[in-house]
Amino acid sequence: MLEEFKKFALRGNVVDLAVGVIIGVAFGAIVTSLVEDIIMPIIGAATGGLDFSNYYLPLSSAVQDGASYADAKKQGAVVGYGQFITVALNFLLVAWVLFFVIRGMNKLKRQEDAKTDVPQAPEIPADVKLLSEIRDLLATGQATGAAGIKPVRGP
């Protein structure tokens, strides 16, 4: 059983998948940072510093008015719809950025494929080649029959 697991774990597909996951996590961190540290501050500045993350609906009377969302959660039950809106916007922005990244990568791949895809003429079957050679010999008058007689051309 241990030998079978070792064979499975070291199979090429599993290793490739592991590398893909690791690179994906690192790339995800880059895209998240791009959204949170560059794009969201620009959006915040454009909307006058609008921050949805502190919008909530208190479900408990122990929650004080004007408390931040984190403090309100400590005081009692709250519905954090603003945090949900913030996370949903972050998701949409991350998806949008990834769309453009993947779109650019696909465009580069298509250009690279266009450079390497040189159309090749289909290979001619051997019998067709032979018939073509016979036709060419007959056309130039170099072919002789079985008895060494040249074929007669029509009138």
Protein backbone atom coordinates (compact mmCIF):
# COMPACT_ATOMS: atom_id res chain seq x y z
CA MET A 1 0.00 0.00 0.00
CA LEU A 2 2.86 2.38 0.84
CA GLU A 3 4.54 1.60 -2.47
CA GLU A 4 1.31 2.28 -4.34
CA PHE A 5 0.87 5.63 -2.54
CA LYS A 6 4.46 6.58 -3.34
CA LYS A 7 3.86 5.79 -7.02
CA PHE A 8 0.67 7.90 -6.98
CA ALA A 9 2.22 10.86 -5.14
CA LEU A 10 5.25 11.05 -7.38
CA ARG A 11 3.33 10.73 -10.62
CA GLY A 12 3.98 13.65 -12.99
CA ASN A 13 0.41 14.95 -12.94
CA VAL A 14 0.35 15.27 -9.15
CA VAL A 15 3.64 17.16 -9.09
CA ASP A 16 2.46 19.45 -11.91
CA LEU A 17 -0.77 20.11 -10.02
CA ALA A 18 1.15 20.95 -6.85
CA VAL A 19 3.36 23.40 -8.72
CA GLY A 20 0.27 24.95 -10.32
CA VAL A 21 -1.43 25.38 -6.94
CA ILE A 22 1.65 27.00 -5.40
CA ILE A 23 2.05 29.40 -8.32
CA GLY A 24 -1.70 30.09 -8.24
CA VAL A 25 -1.58 31.03 -4.55
CA ALA A 26 1.38 33.35 -5.14
CA PHE A 27 -0.32 34.91 -8.16
CA GLY A 28 -3.53 35.28 -6.16
CA ALA A 29 -1.61 37.22 -3.51
CA ILE A 30 -0.26 39.55 -6.20
CA VAL A 31 -3.71 40.18 -7.68
CA THR A 32 -5.27 40.66 -4.21
CA SER A 33 -2.58 43.18 -3.35
CA LEU A 34 -3.15 44.97 -6.65
CA VAL A 35 -6.86 45.26 -5.91
CA GLU A 36 -6.62 46.11 -2.19
CA ASP A 37 -3.53 48.34 -2.27
CA ILE A 38 -3.84 50.11 -5.62
CA ILE A 39 -7.31 49.89 -7.14
CA MET A 40 -9.49 50.14 -3.99
CA PRO A 41 -7.72 53.28 -2.67
CA ILE A 42 -8.28 54.95 -6.05
CA ILE A 43 -11.96 53.99 -5.94
CA GLY A 44 -12.13 55.24 -2.33
CA ALA A 45 -10.59 58.58 -3.33
CA ALA A 46 -12.96 58.89 -6.29
CA THR A 47 -16.03 58.22 -4.09
CA GLY A 48 -14.94 60.53 -1.29
CA GLY A 49 -13.57 57.85 1.01
CA LEU A 50 -16.67 55.67 0.96
CA ASP A 51 -16.03 52.53 3.01
CA PHE A 52 -18.76 49.91 3.17
CA SER A 53 -16.93 47.68 5.65
CA ASN A 54 -18.39 49.47 8.73
CA TYR A 55 -22.04 49.24 7.66
CA TYR A 56 -23.98 46.81 9.81
CA LEU A 57 -27.40 46.14 11.25
CA PRO A 58 -27.37 45.54 15.04
CA LEU A 59 -29.44 42.58 16.21
CA SER A 60 -28.70 43.14 19.88
CA SER A 61 -29.54 46.09 22.09
CA ALA A 62 -26.07 45.83 23.64
CA VAL A 63 -24.48 47.18 20.44
CA GLN A 64 -23.69 50.90 20.82
CA ASP A 65 -24.54 53.30 18.03
CA GLY A 66 -21.55 54.53 16.02
CA ALA A 67 -19.25 51.65 16.95
CA SER A 68 -17.04 50.21 14.25
CA TYR A 69 -18.05 46.86 12.79
CA ALA A 70 -15.28 45.03 14.65
CA ASP A 71 -16.31 46.60 17.97
CA ALA A 72 -20.01 45.99 17.27
CA LYS A 73 -19.30 42.28 16.68
CA LYS A 74 -17.65 42.12 20.10
CA GLN A 75 -20.65 43.79 21.75
CA GLY A 76 -23.35 41.56 20.29
CA ALA A 77 -24.95 40.05 17.22
CA VAL A 78 -24.80 42.15 14.07
CA VAL A 79 -25.45 41.59 10.37
CA GLY A 80 -22.39 42.93 8.57
CA TYR A 81 -23.87 43.71 5.18
CA GLY A 82 -21.20 46.36 4.55
CA GLN A 83 -18.43 43.80 4.98
CA PHE A 84 -20.26 41.53 2.55
CA ILE A 85 -20.51 44.36 0.01
CA THR A 86 -16.78 45.07 0.42
CA VAL A 87 -15.82 41.42 -0.07
CA ALA A 88 -18.17 41.13 -3.07
CA LEU A 89 -16.64 44.25 -4.66
CA ASN A 90 -13.15 42.90 -4.00
CA PHE A 91 -14.13 39.63 -5.68
CA LEU A 92 -15.51 41.44 -8.72
CA LEU A 93 -12.37 43.56 -9.01
CA VAL A 94 -10.09 40.52 -8.64
CA ALA A 95 -12.14 38.67 -11.27
CA TRP A 96 -11.96 41.71 -13.58
CA VAL A 97 -8.17 42.01 -13.19
CA LEU A 98 -7.72 38.26 -13.74
CA PHE A 99 -9.90 38.49 -16.84
CA PHE A 100 -7.57 41.08 -18.35
CA VAL A 101 -4.45 39.16 -17.31
CA ILE A 102 -5.71 35.89 -18.81
CA ARG A 103 -6.95 37.74 -21.90
CA GLY A 104 -3.48 39.23 -22.40
CA MET A 105 -1.81 35.87 -21.87
CA ASN A 106 -4.14 34.22 -24.39
CA LYS A 107 -3.38 36.97 -26.92
CA LEU A 108 0.36 36.41 -26.49
CA LYS A 109 -0.11 32.65 -26.80
CA ARG A 110 -2.11 33.08 -30.03
CA GLN A 111 0.65 35.29 -31.45
CA GLU A 112 3.28 32.72 -30.47
CA ASP A 113 1.21 29.91 -31.98
CA ALA A 114 0.78 31.90 -35.19
CA LYS A 115 4.56 32.18 -35.49
CA THR A 116 5.12 28.43 -35.06
CA ASP A 117 2.12 27.21 -37.06
CA VAL A 118 3.51 27.01 -40.59
CA PRO A 119 1.05 25.24 -42.84
CA GLN A 120 2.62 22.16 -44.38
CA ALA A 121 1.51 20.63 -47.64
CA PRO A 122 -0.19 17.28 -47.12
CA GLU A 123 2.02 14.34 -48.01
CA ILE A 124 1.23 12.84 -51.40
CA PRO A 125 0.56 9.08 -51.32
CA ALA A 126 3.11 6.83 -53.04
CA ASP A 127 0.74 5.63 -55.76
CA VAL A 128 -0.15 9.20 -56.71
CA LYS A 129 3.57 10.08 -56.88
CA LEU A 130 4.22 7.10 -59.14
CA LEU A 131 1.34 7.98 -61.44
CA SER A 132 2.56 11.58 -61.60
CA GLU A 133 6.03 10.40 -62.62
CA ILE A 134 4.57 8.16 -65.32
CA ARG A 135 2.44 11.04 -66.61
CA ASP A 136 5.48 13.34 -66.72
CA LEU A 137 7.55 10.73 -68.59
CA LEU A 138 4.78 10.19 -71.12
CA ALA A 139 4.42 13.93 -71.59
CA THR A 140 8.12 14.37 -72.38
CA GLY A 141 8.30 11.31 -74.64
CA GLN A 142 10.93 9.52 -72.53
CA ALA A 143 8.82 6.48 -71.72
CA THR A 144 9.14 3.28 -73.73
CA GLY A 145 6.81 0.32 -73.72
CA ALA A 146 7.68 -3.21 -72.61
CA ALA A 147 9.10 -4.06 -76.01
CA GLY A 148 11.09 -0.84 -76.19
CA ILE A 149 8.56 0.86 -78.44
CA LYS A 150 7.67 4.44 -77.82
CA PRO A 151 3.98 5.09 -77.39
CA VAL A 152 2.23 6.51 -80.40
CA ARG A 153 0.56 9.81 -80.01
CA GLY A 154 -2.84 10.40 -81.52
CA PRO A 155 -3.43 12.37 -84.74
